[in-house]
Amino acid sequence: MEISYLGHSCIRIHSNGVTLITDPYDPNLGISMGRQSADIVTISHDHPNHAHHVNISGNPRILRGPGEYEIGNFYITGMGTDRNDDEGTAKTNTVFVLQTEGVVLCHLGDVNHPMTARQIEELNQPDVLFVPIGGRCTISTEQAADLINRISPKIVVPVHYSLENTTGPLQPLAPFLETMAITEPSSNKRLIVTATNLPKELKVEVLERPVNN
């Protein structure tokens, strides 16, 4: 499968002719996803920076909230976790676990509460973890590092951090890399993952957002 980063918490996963996009964002964020087409869109919670799917073509299936789904070659589970919005109001964040091509991927959405041991067990030992690391409305860099340690994925892709031109007070990538003691992170425009090329030890992959988006 091919994994690309479209900015903020938005990831594009292409597997066997099926395209899935996570947490599409409003261009008012200061950056753009560009023109995208998808078969599936997952939305972690109802916020313009995580739920702006109106410009995605292809008549995608929109998945919101907890549930189990089988679409194309994707087996998808949505698990609800507690979160507070910017005003402190209790809301629900949906963590999506995606299984395809013998690989388990997990997008943590906009998680900002500690996850329980039972919730982590229900993630089905993901191989690839997309984790928010920008602080403020989500977990801190230290909490992200602790969560990574508890989940024990093979690959971590940081998302939801400050990029050039983005609006809002998110932290940049550097504090997370420092917390993880990574001085020379792997940086690629896309990530090719198969069940046979997963690393034996934890690897942090920083994906470059396409410059034309």
N, C-alpha and C. Protein backbone atom coordinates (compact mmCIF):
# COMPACT_ATOMS: atom_id res chain seq x y z
N MET A 1 0.84 -1.18 0.00
CA MET A 1 0.00 0.00 0.00
C MET A 1 0.88 1.24 0.00
N GLU A 2 0.30 2.34 -0.45
CA GLU A 2 1.02 3.61 -0.48
C GLU A 2 0.36 4.58 0.48
N ILE A 3 1.17 5.20 1.33
CA ILE A 3 0.67 6.14 2.33
C ILE A 3 1.27 7.51 2.06
N SER A 4 0.41 8.55 2.01
CA SER A 4 0.86 9.92 1.78
C SER A 4 0.27 10.82 2.85
N TYR A 5 0.98 11.91 3.14
CA TYR A 5 0.52 12.89 4.11
C TYR A 5 0.01 14.13 3.39
N LEU A 6 -1.23 14.52 3.67
CA LEU A 6 -1.85 15.66 3.01
C LEU A 6 -1.89 16.90 3.90
N GLY A 7 -1.28 16.82 5.09
CA GLY A 7 -1.27 17.94 6.01
C GLY A 7 -2.23 17.76 7.17
N HIS A 8 -1.94 18.44 8.27
CA HIS A 8 -2.73 18.38 9.50
C HIS A 8 -2.89 16.91 9.94
N SER A 9 -4.11 16.40 10.08
CA SER A 9 -4.30 14.99 10.46
C SER A 9 -4.72 14.14 9.27
N CYS A 10 -4.54 14.67 8.08
CA CYS A 10 -5.08 14.03 6.88
C CYS A 10 -4.04 13.11 6.22
N ILE A 11 -4.40 11.85 6.11
CA ILE A 11 -3.56 10.82 5.50
C ILE A 11 -4.33 10.19 4.34
N ARG A 12 -3.61 9.91 3.25
CA ARG A 12 -4.21 9.18 2.13
C ARG A 12 -3.55 7.81 2.05
N ILE A 13 -4.39 6.76 2.05
CA ILE A 13 -3.91 5.38 1.97
C ILE A 13 -4.50 4.75 0.71
N HIS A 14 -3.64 4.27 -0.16
CA HIS A 14 -4.10 3.62 -1.40
C HIS A 14 -3.70 2.16 -1.35
N SER A 15 -4.68 1.27 -1.44
CA SER A 15 -4.43 -0.17 -1.32
C SER A 15 -5.29 -0.94 -2.31
N ASN A 16 -4.63 -1.62 -3.23
CA ASN A 16 -5.32 -2.48 -4.19
C ASN A 16 -6.49 -1.77 -4.88
N GLY A 17 -6.25 -0.55 -5.35
CA GLY A 17 -7.26 0.18 -6.10
C GLY A 17 -8.28 0.92 -5.27
N VAL A 18 -8.18 0.86 -3.94
CA VAL A 18 -9.11 1.55 -3.05
C VAL A 18 -8.35 2.66 -2.31
N THR A 19 -8.93 3.86 -2.28
CA THR A 19 -8.29 4.99 -1.61
C THR A 19 -9.10 5.41 -0.40
N LEU A 20 -8.42 5.54 0.73
CA LEU A 20 -9.03 5.98 1.98
C LEU A 20 -8.32 7.25 2.43
N ILE A 21 -9.10 8.26 2.84
CA ILE A 21 -8.56 9.51 3.34
C ILE A 21 -9.08 9.74 4.75
N THR A 22 -8.18 10.14 5.66
CA THR A 22 -8.56 10.39 7.04
C THR A 22 -8.66 11.89 7.31
N ASP A 23 -9.58 12.28 8.14
CA ASP A 23 -9.69 13.64 8.70
C ASP A 23 -9.38 14.77 7.70
N PRO A 24 -10.17 14.91 6.64
CA PRO A 24 -9.95 16.03 5.70
C PRO A 24 -10.22 17.37 6.37
N TYR A 25 -9.47 18.39 6.00
CA TYR A 25 -9.54 19.66 6.70
C TYR A 25 -9.99 20.81 5.80
N ASP A 26 -10.51 21.85 6.45
CA ASP A 26 -10.97 23.06 5.78
C ASP A 26 -9.76 23.87 5.31
N PRO A 27 -9.79 24.42 4.08
CA PRO A 27 -8.66 25.23 3.60
C PRO A 27 -8.42 26.48 4.42
N ASN A 28 -9.37 26.88 5.26
CA ASN A 28 -9.14 28.01 6.16
C ASN A 28 -8.02 27.74 7.15
N LEU A 29 -7.57 26.50 7.21
CA LEU A 29 -6.44 26.15 8.06
C LEU A 29 -5.16 26.83 7.57
N GLY A 30 -5.17 27.26 6.30
CA GLY A 30 -4.00 27.94 5.74
C GLY A 30 -3.24 27.12 4.73
N ILE A 31 -3.58 25.85 4.61
CA ILE A 31 -3.00 24.96 3.61
C ILE A 31 -4.13 24.25 2.89
N SER A 32 -3.80 23.50 1.86
CA SER A 32 -4.83 22.81 1.07
C SER A 32 -4.45 21.35 0.84
N MET A 33 -5.45 20.49 0.82
CA MET A 33 -5.23 19.08 0.49
C MET A 33 -5.04 18.89 -1.01
N GLY A 34 -5.35 19.93 -1.82
CA GLY A 34 -5.37 19.76 -3.25
C GLY A 34 -6.61 19.00 -3.68
N ARG A 35 -6.70 18.68 -4.94
CA ARG A 35 -7.85 17.92 -5.43
C ARG A 35 -7.67 16.45 -5.08
N GLN A 36 -8.64 15.92 -4.36
CA GLN A 36 -8.56 14.53 -3.90
C GLN A 36 -9.82 13.76 -4.28
N SER A 37 -9.62 12.48 -4.57
CA SER A 37 -10.72 11.55 -4.82
C SER A 37 -10.52 10.36 -3.91
N ALA A 38 -11.61 9.83 -3.37
CA ALA A 38 -11.48 8.71 -2.43
C ALA A 38 -12.69 7.81 -2.51
N ASP A 39 -12.51 6.59 -2.03
CA ASP A 39 -13.61 5.63 -1.88
C ASP A 39 -14.15 5.64 -0.46
N ILE A 40 -13.28 5.98 0.50
CA ILE A 40 -13.63 5.97 1.92
C ILE A 40 -13.03 7.22 2.57
N VAL A 41 -13.80 7.86 3.44
CA VAL A 41 -13.28 8.97 4.25
C VAL A 41 -13.65 8.69 5.70
N THR A 42 -12.64 8.72 6.58
CA THR A 42 -12.91 8.57 8.02
C THR A 42 -12.80 9.93 8.70
N ILE A 43 -13.69 10.17 9.65
CA ILE A 43 -13.75 11.45 10.35
C ILE A 43 -13.71 11.18 11.85
N SER A 44 -12.70 11.72 12.51
CA SER A 44 -12.53 11.43 13.94
C SER A 44 -13.52 12.21 14.80
N HIS A 45 -13.85 13.45 14.39
CA HIS A 45 -14.84 14.22 15.13
C HIS A 45 -15.28 15.41 14.27
N ASP A 46 -16.41 15.98 14.66
CA ASP A 46 -17.07 16.99 13.83
C ASP A 46 -16.46 18.36 14.07
N HIS A 47 -15.31 18.59 13.45
CA HIS A 47 -14.63 19.89 13.49
C HIS A 47 -14.16 20.18 12.07
N PRO A 48 -14.25 21.43 11.61
CA PRO A 48 -13.88 21.74 10.23
C PRO A 48 -12.48 21.27 9.84
N ASN A 49 -11.57 21.20 10.80
CA ASN A 49 -10.21 20.77 10.48
C ASN A 49 -10.04 19.26 10.47
N HIS A 50 -11.16 18.54 10.70
CA HIS A 50 -11.10 17.08 10.70
C HIS A 50 -12.27 16.45 9.95
N ALA A 51 -13.17 17.27 9.43
CA ALA A 51 -14.40 16.73 8.86
C ALA A 51 -14.83 17.40 7.56
N HIS A 52 -13.90 18.08 6.88
CA HIS A 52 -14.25 18.84 5.68
C HIS A 52 -14.10 17.95 4.44
N HIS A 53 -15.13 17.14 4.18
CA HIS A 53 -15.06 16.16 3.09
C HIS A 53 -15.79 16.62 1.82
N VAL A 54 -16.37 17.80 1.83
CA VAL A 54 -17.27 18.20 0.74
C VAL A 54 -16.55 18.32 -0.60
N ASN A 55 -15.26 18.58 -0.61
CA ASN A 55 -14.54 18.75 -1.88
C ASN A 55 -13.83 17.49 -2.34
N ILE A 56 -14.04 16.38 -1.66
CA ILE A 56 -13.43 15.12 -2.08
C ILE A 56 -14.36 14.43 -3.06
N SER A 57 -13.87 14.19 -4.26
CA SER A 57 -14.69 13.57 -5.30
C SER A 57 -14.67 12.05 -5.17
N GLY A 58 -15.45 11.38 -6.01
CA GLY A 58 -15.50 9.93 -6.02
C GLY A 58 -16.65 9.34 -5.25
N ASN A 59 -17.53 10.20 -4.69
CA ASN A 59 -18.67 9.73 -3.91
C ASN A 59 -18.24 8.76 -2.81
N PRO A 60 -17.32 9.20 -1.94
CA PRO A 60 -16.78 8.28 -0.92
C PRO A 60 -17.79 7.92 0.16
N ARG A 61 -17.58 6.78 0.75
CA ARG A 61 -18.33 6.38 1.94
C ARG A 61 -17.74 7.14 3.13
N ILE A 62 -18.57 7.88 3.85
CA ILE A 62 -18.12 8.69 4.98
C ILE A 62 -18.37 7.91 6.27
N LEU A 63 -17.30 7.68 7.03
CA LEU A 63 -17.41 6.93 8.28
C LEU A 63 -17.21 7.87 9.46
N ARG A 64 -18.20 7.91 10.34
CA ARG A 64 -18.14 8.73 11.55
C ARG A 64 -18.52 7.86 12.74
N GLY A 65 -17.81 7.97 13.81
CA GLY A 65 -18.20 7.32 15.05
C GLY A 65 -17.87 5.84 15.09
N PRO A 66 -18.10 5.24 16.26
CA PRO A 66 -17.79 3.83 16.45
C PRO A 66 -18.60 2.93 15.53
N GLY A 67 -18.02 1.78 15.19
CA GLY A 67 -18.69 0.80 14.34
C GLY A 67 -17.69 -0.09 13.64
N GLU A 68 -18.19 -1.08 12.94
CA GLU A 68 -17.36 -1.99 12.17
C GLU A 68 -17.81 -1.97 10.72
N TYR A 69 -16.85 -1.90 9.80
CA TYR A 69 -17.16 -1.73 8.39
C TYR A 69 -16.23 -2.60 7.54
N GLU A 70 -16.76 -3.10 6.44
CA GLU A 70 -15.94 -3.79 5.44
C GLU A 70 -16.23 -3.14 4.09
N ILE A 71 -15.24 -2.43 3.57
CA ILE A 71 -15.41 -1.70 2.31
C ILE A 71 -14.22 -2.03 1.42
N GLY A 72 -14.50 -2.63 0.26
CA GLY A 72 -13.41 -3.04 -0.61
C GLY A 72 -12.52 -4.02 0.12
N ASN A 73 -11.22 -3.76 0.12
CA ASN A 73 -10.28 -4.63 0.82
C ASN A 73 -9.90 -4.09 2.20
N PHE A 74 -10.69 -3.11 2.71
CA PHE A 74 -10.44 -2.54 4.03
C PHE A 74 -11.42 -3.10 5.06
N TYR A 75 -10.89 -3.54 6.18
CA TYR A 75 -11.70 -3.89 7.34
C TYR A 75 -11.46 -2.80 8.38
N ILE A 76 -12.50 -2.11 8.79
CA ILE A 76 -12.35 -0.88 9.56
C ILE A 76 -13.16 -0.97 10.85
N THR A 77 -12.52 -0.60 11.95
CA THR A 77 -13.21 -0.52 13.24
C THR A 77 -13.05 0.89 13.79
N GLY A 78 -14.15 1.52 14.16
CA GLY A 78 -14.12 2.82 14.82
C GLY A 78 -14.38 2.65 16.30
N MET A 79 -13.50 3.20 17.12
CA MET A 79 -13.62 3.08 18.57
C MET A 79 -13.71 4.47 19.18
N GLY A 80 -14.74 4.72 19.96
CA GLY A 80 -14.91 6.02 20.59
C GLY A 80 -14.03 6.20 21.81
N THR A 81 -13.39 7.38 21.91
CA THR A 81 -12.63 7.73 23.10
C THR A 81 -13.07 9.11 23.58
N ASP A 82 -12.86 9.37 24.85
CA ASP A 82 -13.26 10.67 25.42
C ASP A 82 -12.33 11.77 24.91
N ARG A 83 -12.90 12.97 24.71
CA ARG A 83 -12.08 14.14 24.42
C ARG A 83 -12.86 15.39 24.85
N ASN A 84 -12.16 16.47 25.07
CA ASN A 84 -12.78 17.76 25.34
C ASN A 84 -12.50 18.68 24.18
N ASP A 85 -13.49 19.50 23.79
CA ASP A 85 -13.25 20.46 22.72
C ASP A 85 -12.51 21.68 23.27
N ASP A 86 -12.32 22.69 22.45
CA ASP A 86 -11.53 23.86 22.85
C ASP A 86 -12.14 24.59 24.04
N GLU A 87 -13.45 24.45 24.24
CA GLU A 87 -14.12 25.11 25.36
C GLU A 87 -14.21 24.21 26.59
N GLY A 88 -13.66 23.00 26.49
CA GLY A 88 -13.69 22.08 27.61
C GLY A 88 -14.92 21.20 27.67
N THR A 89 -15.78 21.28 26.65
CA THR A 89 -16.99 20.47 26.61
C THR A 89 -16.65 19.03 26.23
N ALA A 90 -17.25 18.07 26.93
CA ALA A 90 -16.99 16.66 26.67
C ALA A 90 -17.53 16.26 25.30
N LYS A 91 -16.70 15.64 24.51
CA LYS A 91 -17.05 15.17 23.17
C LYS A 91 -16.54 13.75 22.99
N THR A 92 -16.70 13.23 21.78
CA THR A 92 -16.17 11.90 21.46
C THR A 92 -15.21 11.99 20.29
N ASN A 93 -14.07 11.37 20.44
CA ASN A 93 -13.10 11.21 19.36
C ASN A 93 -13.19 9.76 18.87
N THR A 94 -13.10 9.56 17.57
CA THR A 94 -13.13 8.20 17.05
C THR A 94 -11.75 7.80 16.55
N VAL A 95 -11.22 6.76 17.15
CA VAL A 95 -9.97 6.14 16.69
C VAL A 95 -10.34 5.08 15.67
N PHE A 96 -9.71 5.14 14.49
CA PHE A 96 -10.01 4.16 13.45
C PHE A 96 -8.85 3.18 13.29
N VAL A 97 -9.19 1.89 13.35
CA VAL A 97 -8.24 0.82 13.08
C VAL A 97 -8.56 0.26 11.70
N LEU A 98 -7.56 0.24 10.83
CA LEU A 98 -7.73 -0.15 9.43
C LEU A 98 -6.88 -1.37 9.15
N GLN A 99 -7.48 -2.40 8.57
CA GLN A 99 -6.74 -3.60 8.21
C GLN A 99 -6.84 -3.83 6.71
N THR A 100 -5.69 -3.95 6.07
CA THR A 100 -5.64 -4.21 4.63
C THR A 100 -4.28 -4.80 4.29
N GLU A 101 -4.24 -5.68 3.34
CA GLU A 101 -3.00 -6.31 2.86
C GLU A 101 -2.19 -6.95 3.98
N GLY A 102 -2.87 -7.45 5.00
CA GLY A 102 -2.18 -8.09 6.11
C GLY A 102 -1.48 -7.14 7.05
N VAL A 103 -1.79 -5.82 6.96
CA VAL A 103 -1.19 -4.79 7.80
C VAL A 103 -2.29 -4.11 8.59
N VAL A 104 -2.03 -3.82 9.86
CA VAL A 104 -2.98 -3.11 10.72
C VAL A 104 -2.47 -1.68 10.91
N LEU A 105 -3.32 -0.71 10.58
CA LEU A 105 -2.99 0.70 10.75
C LEU A 105 -3.97 1.32 11.73
N CYS A 106 -3.52 2.32 12.47
CA CYS A 106 -4.39 2.99 13.44
C CYS A 106 -4.20 4.49 13.35
N HIS A 107 -5.31 5.20 13.15
CA HIS A 107 -5.32 6.67 13.16
C HIS A 107 -6.00 7.11 14.44
N LEU A 108 -5.23 7.81 15.31
CA LEU A 108 -5.74 8.16 16.63
C LEU A 108 -6.67 9.37 16.62
N GLY A 109 -6.85 9.99 15.44
CA GLY A 109 -7.75 11.14 15.36
C GLY A 109 -7.23 12.30 16.17
N ASP A 110 -8.11 12.90 16.97
CA ASP A 110 -7.76 14.07 17.79
C ASP A 110 -7.82 13.70 19.26
N VAL A 111 -7.26 12.56 19.60
CA VAL A 111 -7.30 12.06 20.97
C VAL A 111 -6.65 13.08 21.91
N ASN A 112 -7.31 13.36 23.03
CA ASN A 112 -6.69 14.26 24.02
C ASN A 112 -6.94 13.82 25.46
N HIS A 113 -7.37 12.55 25.62
CA HIS A 113 -7.48 11.94 26.94
C HIS A 113 -6.61 10.68 26.96
N PRO A 114 -6.07 10.32 28.11
CA PRO A 114 -5.32 9.06 28.19
C PRO A 114 -6.20 7.88 27.77
N MET A 115 -5.61 6.94 27.05
CA MET A 115 -6.35 5.75 26.64
C MET A 115 -6.17 4.66 27.70
N THR A 116 -7.23 3.90 27.93
CA THR A 116 -7.17 2.84 28.93
C THR A 116 -6.44 1.62 28.36
N ALA A 117 -6.04 0.74 29.25
CA ALA A 117 -5.36 -0.48 28.83
C ALA A 117 -6.28 -1.31 27.93
N ARG A 118 -7.57 -1.32 28.25
CA ARG A 118 -8.50 -2.09 27.42
C ARG A 118 -8.64 -1.48 26.04
N GLN A 119 -8.69 -0.16 25.94
CA GLN A 119 -8.77 0.48 24.63
C GLN A 119 -7.53 0.16 23.78
N ILE A 120 -6.37 0.21 24.40
CA ILE A 120 -5.14 -0.10 23.67
C ILE A 120 -5.14 -1.54 23.21
N GLU A 121 -5.64 -2.44 24.03
CA GLU A 121 -5.73 -3.85 23.62
C GLU A 121 -6.66 -4.01 22.42
N GLU A 122 -7.73 -3.22 22.36
CA GLU A 122 -8.69 -3.31 21.27
C GLU A 122 -8.16 -2.75 19.95
N LEU A 123 -7.01 -2.08 19.99
CA LEU A 123 -6.41 -1.55 18.76
C LEU A 123 -5.81 -2.66 17.89
N ASN A 124 -5.73 -3.87 18.43
CA ASN A 124 -5.30 -5.03 17.64
C ASN A 124 -3.84 -4.91 17.21
N GLN A 125 -2.99 -4.39 18.11
CA GLN A 125 -1.54 -4.33 17.89
C GLN A 125 -1.20 -3.75 16.51
N PRO A 126 -1.49 -2.47 16.29
CA PRO A 126 -1.27 -1.89 14.97
C PRO A 126 0.21 -1.87 14.58
N ASP A 127 0.44 -2.10 13.29
CA ASP A 127 1.79 -2.03 12.75
C ASP A 127 2.19 -0.58 12.47
N VAL A 128 1.21 0.21 12.01
CA VAL A 128 1.46 1.61 11.65
C VAL A 128 0.52 2.48 12.49
N LEU A 129 1.10 3.48 13.17
CA LEU A 129 0.33 4.34 14.05
C LEU A 129 0.48 5.79 13.60
N PHE A 130 -0.66 6.44 13.34
CA PHE A 130 -0.69 7.88 13.03
C PHE A 130 -1.07 8.60 14.32
N VAL A 131 -0.14 9.37 14.86
CA VAL A 131 -0.32 9.94 16.19
C VAL A 131 -0.23 11.46 16.15
N PRO A 132 -1.21 12.17 16.77
CA PRO A 132 -1.16 13.64 16.82
C PRO A 132 -0.11 14.08 17.83
N ILE A 133 0.70 15.09 17.45
CA ILE A 133 1.80 15.46 18.34
C ILE A 133 1.88 16.98 18.56
N GLY A 134 0.86 17.73 18.15
CA GLY A 134 0.94 19.18 18.17
C GLY A 134 0.51 19.86 19.45
N GLY A 135 0.05 19.08 20.45
CA GLY A 135 -0.35 19.68 21.71
C GLY A 135 -1.61 20.51 21.59
N ARG A 136 -1.87 21.33 22.59
CA ARG A 136 -3.04 22.20 22.73
C ARG A 136 -4.34 21.41 22.78
N CYS A 137 -5.00 21.17 21.66
CA CYS A 137 -6.29 20.50 21.67
C CYS A 137 -6.15 18.98 21.58
N THR A 138 -4.93 18.49 21.58
CA THR A 138 -4.71 17.05 21.56
C THR A 138 -3.65 16.72 22.60
N ILE A 139 -3.09 15.53 22.56
CA ILE A 139 -2.12 15.12 23.57
C ILE A 139 -0.80 15.87 23.40
N SER A 140 -0.05 15.98 24.48
CA SER A 140 1.25 16.63 24.44
C SER A 140 2.28 15.69 23.81
N THR A 141 3.46 16.22 23.53
CA THR A 141 4.51 15.37 22.96
C THR A 141 4.89 14.25 23.93
N GLU A 142 4.92 14.55 25.22
CA GLU A 142 5.26 13.53 26.20
C GLU A 142 4.19 12.45 26.28
N GLN A 143 2.92 12.87 26.22
CA GLN A 143 1.83 11.90 26.22
C GLN A 143 1.84 11.05 24.95
N ALA A 144 2.19 11.68 23.82
CA ALA A 144 2.28 10.93 22.57
C ALA A 144 3.37 9.87 22.66
N ALA A 145 4.52 10.24 23.22
CA ALA A 145 5.61 9.28 23.37
C ALA A 145 5.21 8.13 24.29
N ASP A 146 4.50 8.45 25.37
CA ASP A 146 4.04 7.40 26.29
C ASP A 146 3.04 6.47 25.60
N LEU A 147 2.14 7.05 24.81
CA LEU A 147 1.14 6.25 24.10
C LEU A 147 1.81 5.34 23.08
N ILE A 148 2.80 5.86 22.38
CA ILE A 148 3.55 5.04 21.42
C ILE A 148 4.20 3.86 22.13
N ASN A 149 4.78 4.11 23.29
CA ASN A 149 5.42 3.05 24.06
C ASN A 149 4.43 1.98 24.48
N ARG A 150 3.22 2.40 24.84
CA ARG A 150 2.20 1.45 25.29
C ARG A 150 1.60 0.67 24.14
N ILE A 151 1.46 1.30 22.97
CA ILE A 151 0.86 0.63 21.82
C ILE A 151 1.86 -0.26 21.09
N SER A 152 3.13 0.16 21.05
CA SER A 152 4.23 -0.60 20.44
C SER A 152 4.03 -0.91 18.96
N PRO A 153 3.81 0.11 18.14
CA PRO A 153 3.72 -0.12 16.69
C PRO A 153 5.11 -0.34 16.09
N LYS A 154 5.14 -0.75 14.82
CA LYS A 154 6.41 -0.88 14.10
C LYS A 154 6.80 0.45 13.46
N ILE A 155 5.80 1.21 13.00
CA ILE A 155 6.04 2.48 12.32
C ILE A 155 5.14 3.54 12.96
N VAL A 156 5.71 4.71 13.23
CA VAL A 156 4.95 5.85 13.73
C VAL A 156 5.04 6.98 12.71
N VAL A 157 3.88 7.51 12.34
CA VAL A 157 3.83 8.68 11.46
C VAL A 157 3.21 9.82 12.26
N PRO A 158 3.99 10.86 12.62
CA PRO A 158 3.41 11.99 13.36
C PRO A 158 2.52 12.84 12.46
N VAL A 159 1.40 13.30 13.03
CA VAL A 159 0.47 14.18 12.33
C VAL A 159 0.00 15.27 13.28
N HIS A 160 -0.81 16.21 12.76
CA HIS A 160 -1.46 17.24 13.57
C HIS A 160 -0.43 18.11 14.29
N TYR A 161 0.49 18.66 13.52
CA TYR A 161 1.47 19.60 14.07
C TYR A 161 1.57 20.81 13.14
N SER A 162 2.23 21.84 13.60
CA SER A 162 2.32 23.09 12.85
C SER A 162 3.15 22.92 11.58
N LEU A 163 2.60 23.41 10.48
CA LEU A 163 3.31 23.42 9.20
C LEU A 163 3.41 24.87 8.73
N GLU A 164 4.29 25.11 7.78
CA GLU A 164 4.39 26.45 7.23
C GLU A 164 3.04 26.88 6.67
N ASN A 165 2.57 28.05 7.08
CA ASN A 165 1.31 28.66 6.64
C ASN A 165 0.07 28.18 7.40
N THR A 166 0.18 27.18 8.25
CA THR A 166 -1.00 26.76 8.99
C THR A 166 -1.34 27.78 10.07
N THR A 167 -2.64 27.94 10.32
CA THR A 167 -3.10 28.84 11.36
C THR A 167 -3.27 28.06 12.66
N GLY A 168 -3.31 28.76 13.78
CA GLY A 168 -3.52 28.10 15.06
C GLY A 168 -2.22 27.84 15.79
N PRO A 169 -2.31 27.58 17.11
CA PRO A 169 -1.13 27.49 17.97
C PRO A 169 -0.56 26.08 18.14
N LEU A 170 -0.60 25.25 17.12
CA LEU A 170 -0.02 23.91 17.25
C LEU A 170 1.50 23.99 17.35
N GLN A 171 2.07 23.01 18.04
CA GLN A 171 3.53 22.94 18.14
C GLN A 171 4.12 22.40 16.83
N PRO A 172 5.38 22.73 16.55
CA PRO A 172 6.04 22.14 15.39
C PRO A 172 6.47 20.71 15.66
N LEU A 173 7.09 20.11 14.68
CA LEU A 173 7.51 18.71 14.77
C LEU A 173 8.69 18.51 15.71
N ALA A 174 9.58 19.49 15.79
CA ALA A 174 10.86 19.32 16.49
C ALA A 174 10.74 18.83 17.93
N PRO A 175 9.85 19.39 18.78
CA PRO A 175 9.79 18.89 20.16
C PRO A 175 9.46 17.41 20.27
N PHE A 176 8.62 16.91 19.37
CA PHE A 176 8.31 15.48 19.39
C PHE A 176 9.54 14.65 19.05
N LEU A 177 10.26 15.06 18.03
CA LEU A 177 11.47 14.32 17.65
C LEU A 177 12.48 14.33 18.78
N GLU A 178 12.59 15.46 19.47
CA GLU A 178 13.51 15.55 20.61
C GLU A 178 13.08 14.62 21.73
N THR A 179 11.77 14.59 22.00
CA THR A 179 11.25 13.70 23.04
C THR A 179 11.52 12.24 22.70
N MET A 180 11.43 11.90 21.42
CA MET A 180 11.67 10.54 20.97
C MET A 180 13.16 10.25 20.74
N ALA A 181 14.02 11.25 21.02
CA ALA A 181 15.47 11.11 20.86
C ALA A 181 15.86 10.75 19.43
N ILE A 182 15.19 11.42 18.48
CA ILE A 182 15.47 11.18 17.07
C ILE A 182 16.17 12.41 16.51
N THR A 183 17.41 12.23 16.08
CA THR A 183 18.19 13.35 15.55
C THR A 183 18.15 13.42 14.02
N GLU A 184 17.98 12.27 13.37
CA GLU A 184 17.93 12.22 11.92
C GLU A 184 16.71 11.40 11.49
N PRO A 185 15.53 12.01 11.49
CA PRO A 185 14.32 11.24 11.14
C PRO A 185 14.29 10.88 9.67
N SER A 186 13.66 9.75 9.38
CA SER A 186 13.42 9.38 7.99
C SER A 186 12.37 10.30 7.41
N SER A 187 12.63 10.84 6.23
CA SER A 187 11.69 11.79 5.61
C SER A 187 11.46 11.39 4.16
N ASN A 188 10.21 11.13 3.81
CA ASN A 188 9.87 10.69 2.47
C ASN A 188 8.58 11.34 2.00
N LYS A 189 8.39 11.39 0.69
CA LYS A 189 7.14 11.94 0.14
C LYS A 189 6.01 10.95 0.28
N ARG A 190 6.33 9.68 0.31
CA ARG A 190 5.31 8.65 0.48
C ARG A 190 5.95 7.44 1.15
N LEU A 191 5.11 6.60 1.70
CA LEU A 191 5.57 5.42 2.41
C LEU A 191 4.93 4.19 1.79
N ILE A 192 5.75 3.24 1.39
CA ILE A 192 5.25 1.97 0.85
C ILE A 192 5.36 0.92 1.94
N VAL A 193 4.23 0.35 2.32
CA VAL A 193 4.20 -0.61 3.42
C VAL A 193 3.58 -1.91 2.95
N THR A 194 4.23 -3.01 3.27
CA THR A 194 3.68 -4.35 3.04
C THR A 194 3.86 -5.15 4.31
N ALA A 195 3.21 -6.30 4.37
CA ALA A 195 3.34 -7.16 5.55
C ALA A 195 4.75 -7.70 5.71
N THR A 196 5.53 -7.68 4.63
CA THR A 196 6.88 -8.26 4.67
C THR A 196 7.99 -7.23 4.83
N ASN A 197 7.69 -5.95 4.71
CA ASN A 197 8.78 -4.96 4.83
C ASN A 197 8.68 -4.12 6.10
N LEU A 198 7.86 -4.55 7.06
CA LEU A 198 7.76 -3.82 8.32
C LEU A 198 9.08 -3.93 9.09
N PRO A 199 9.53 -2.84 9.69
CA PRO A 199 10.79 -2.89 10.44
C PRO A 199 10.66 -3.73 11.70
N LYS A 200 11.77 -4.28 12.15
CA LYS A 200 11.76 -5.09 13.37
C LYS A 200 11.72 -4.23 14.61
N GLU A 201 12.27 -3.01 14.52
CA GLU A 201 12.26 -2.08 15.64
C GLU A 201 11.49 -0.82 15.24
N LEU A 202 11.02 -0.09 16.25
CA LEU A 202 10.23 1.11 16.01
C LEU A 202 10.95 2.08 15.08
N LYS A 203 10.20 2.58 14.09
CA LYS A 203 10.74 3.57 13.16
C LYS A 203 9.76 4.72 13.04
N VAL A 204 10.25 5.95 13.19
CA VAL A 204 9.43 7.14 13.00
C VAL A 204 9.62 7.64 11.58
N GLU A 205 8.52 7.75 10.85
CA GLU A 205 8.55 8.20 9.46
C GLU A 205 7.89 9.58 9.37
N VAL A 206 8.66 10.58 9.03
CA VAL A 206 8.12 11.92 8.80
C VAL A 206 7.79 12.05 7.32
N LEU A 207 6.51 12.16 7.01
CA LEU A 207 6.09 12.23 5.61
C LEU A 207 5.96 13.69 5.18
N GLU A 208 6.54 13.99 4.03
CA GLU A 208 6.49 15.34 3.48
C GLU A 208 5.15 15.56 2.80
N ARG A 209 4.54 16.71 3.09
CA ARG A 209 3.30 17.08 2.40
C ARG A 209 3.63 17.54 1.00
N PRO A 210 2.90 17.05 -0.03
CA PRO A 210 3.18 17.48 -1.42
C PRO A 210 3.18 18.99 -1.54
N VAL A 211 4.20 19.54 -2.20
CA VAL A 211 4.34 21.00 -2.26
C VAL A 211 3.26 21.65 -3.10
N ASN A 212 2.60 20.91 -3.99
CA ASN A 212 1.57 21.51 -4.83
C ASN A 212 0.22 21.53 -4.14
N ASN A 213 0.14 21.06 -2.92
CA ASN A 213 -1.14 21.08 -2.17
C ASN A 213 -1.19 22.32 -1.30
